[in-house]
Protein backbone atom coordinates (compact mmCIF):
# COMPACT_ATOMS: atom_id res chain seq x y z
CA MET A 1 33.71 11.93 -27.45
CA PHE A 2 31.28 11.93 -24.52
CA ARG A 3 29.59 8.64 -25.41
CA PRO A 4 30.63 5.71 -23.28
CA THR A 5 32.26 2.74 -24.92
CA TYR A 6 31.50 -0.62 -23.42
CA PRO A 7 33.87 -3.58 -23.55
CA PRO A 8 32.75 -6.60 -25.57
CA PRO A 9 30.89 -9.25 -23.57
CA ASP A 10 32.80 -12.21 -22.27
CA THR A 11 32.96 -15.09 -24.70
CA TYR A 12 33.81 -17.72 -22.10
CA THR A 13 31.24 -20.45 -21.82
CA ALA A 14 31.50 -22.86 -18.95
CA THR A 15 30.63 -26.46 -19.71
CA PRO A 16 29.89 -28.64 -16.72
CA ALA A 17 32.13 -31.67 -16.36
CA ALA A 18 30.46 -35.03 -16.76
CA PRO A 19 30.20 -36.78 -13.41
CA SER A 20 32.18 -39.99 -13.21
CA PRO A 21 30.26 -42.82 -11.58
CA ALA A 22 31.92 -44.45 -8.61
CA VAL A 23 30.88 -47.94 -9.73
CA SER A 24 30.80 -48.82 -13.38
CA LEU A 25 27.61 -50.56 -14.44
CA VAL A 26 29.18 -51.74 -17.70
CA PRO A 27 30.53 -55.31 -17.52
CA ALA A 28 34.27 -55.71 -17.59
CA ASP A 29 35.84 -56.01 -21.03
CA PRO A 30 37.34 -59.45 -21.55
CA ASP A 31 40.12 -57.91 -23.67
CA PRO A 32 43.13 -57.61 -21.31
CA THR A 33 44.52 -54.41 -22.85
CA PRO A 34 46.15 -52.21 -20.24
CA ALA A 35 44.23 -49.07 -19.34
CA THR A 36 45.95 -45.72 -19.57
CA ALA A 37 47.39 -44.44 -16.34
CA PRO A 38 45.65 -41.42 -14.80
CA ALA A 39 47.34 -38.07 -15.18
CA PRO A 40 49.59 -37.17 -12.24
CA VAL A 41 48.23 -34.66 -9.78
CA PRO A 42 50.14 -31.37 -10.05
CA VAL A 43 52.29 -30.59 -7.03
CA PRO A 44 51.61 -27.12 -5.57
CA SER A 45 54.46 -24.70 -6.08
CA ARG A 46 54.15 -23.33 -2.53
CA PRO A 47 54.51 -25.64 0.45
CA VAL A 48 51.62 -25.83 2.87
CA LEU A 49 52.16 -23.63 5.94
CA GLN A 50 52.48 -25.74 9.06
CA LEU A 51 52.67 -24.02 12.43
CA THR A 52 54.64 -25.66 15.16
CA PRO A 53 53.71 -24.92 18.79
CA GLY A 54 56.66 -22.53 19.09
CA ALA A 55 55.66 -20.68 15.93
CA LEU A 56 52.07 -20.48 17.14
CA VAL A 57 53.21 -18.92 20.42
CA ALA A 58 55.39 -16.45 18.48
CA VAL A 59 52.46 -15.47 16.24
CA ALA A 60 50.19 -14.99 19.26
CA ALA A 61 52.83 -12.91 21.04
CA GLY A 62 53.37 -10.79 17.93
CA GLY A 63 49.64 -10.19 17.57
CA THR A 64 49.34 -9.24 21.24
CA ALA A 65 52.27 -6.85 20.91
CA ALA A 66 50.73 -5.23 17.84
CA VAL A 67 47.39 -4.75 19.61
CA LEU A 68 49.13 -3.22 22.64
CA VAL A 69 51.19 -0.83 20.49
CA VAL A 70 48.16 0.31 18.48
CA GLY A 71 46.16 0.76 21.69
CA THR A 72 48.95 2.80 23.28
CA VAL A 73 49.17 5.06 20.23
CA LEU A 74 45.41 5.61 20.14
CA VAL A 75 45.22 6.36 23.88
CA SER A 76 48.11 8.82 23.64
CA LEU A 77 46.43 10.59 20.72
CA LEU A 78 43.20 10.83 22.70
CA LEU A 79 45.13 12.20 25.67
CA ALA A 80 46.84 14.80 23.47
CA VAL A 81 43.46 15.95 22.14
CA ALA A 82 42.07 16.17 25.69
CA VAL A 83 45.05 18.21 26.96
CA THR A 84 44.82 20.56 23.96
CA ALA A 85 41.08 21.06 24.47
CA THR A 86 41.59 21.77 28.17
CA SER A 87 44.32 24.34 27.50
CA VAL A 88 42.19 26.07 24.86
CA ALA A 89 39.26 26.17 27.30
CA VAL A 90 41.46 27.65 30.04
CA CYS A 91 42.80 30.28 27.61
CA ALA A 92 39.24 31.17 26.58
CA VAL A 93 38.15 31.61 30.20
CA VAL A 94 41.18 33.80 30.99
CA LEU A 95 40.65 35.98 27.89
CA ARG A 96 36.95 36.33 28.65
CA SER A 97 37.75 37.35 32.22
CA LEU A 98 40.32 39.91 31.04
CA LEU A 99 37.94 41.39 28.47
CA ASN A 100 35.05 41.59 30.95
CA ASN A 101 37.25 43.32 33.56
CA GLN A 102 38.44 45.81 30.93
CA HIS A 103 34.87 46.75 29.94
CA ARG A 104 33.82 47.33 33.58
CA ARG A 105 36.52 49.91 34.28
């Protein structure tokens, strides 16, 4: 129950493709039989993304707006923490002053 079980090792073996020479060193065959046509290149299912100048400006403006919004949120959170810390410090000083004055009487 507490012994680990390991998955079986991968059985995939990669075989390197034979390089095709750019220039054939074998003399041309005098038999004029037609060669088989190469396989067609598959067409990608998704079109390639092309940005026009207007789209590029829109993307840049959107990125700038996102950076400004995130910066504003982070600065406001930092400001909220600073205001809270200041109010807690003021309350601590007032309570300490009240307690010290009460002990002196």
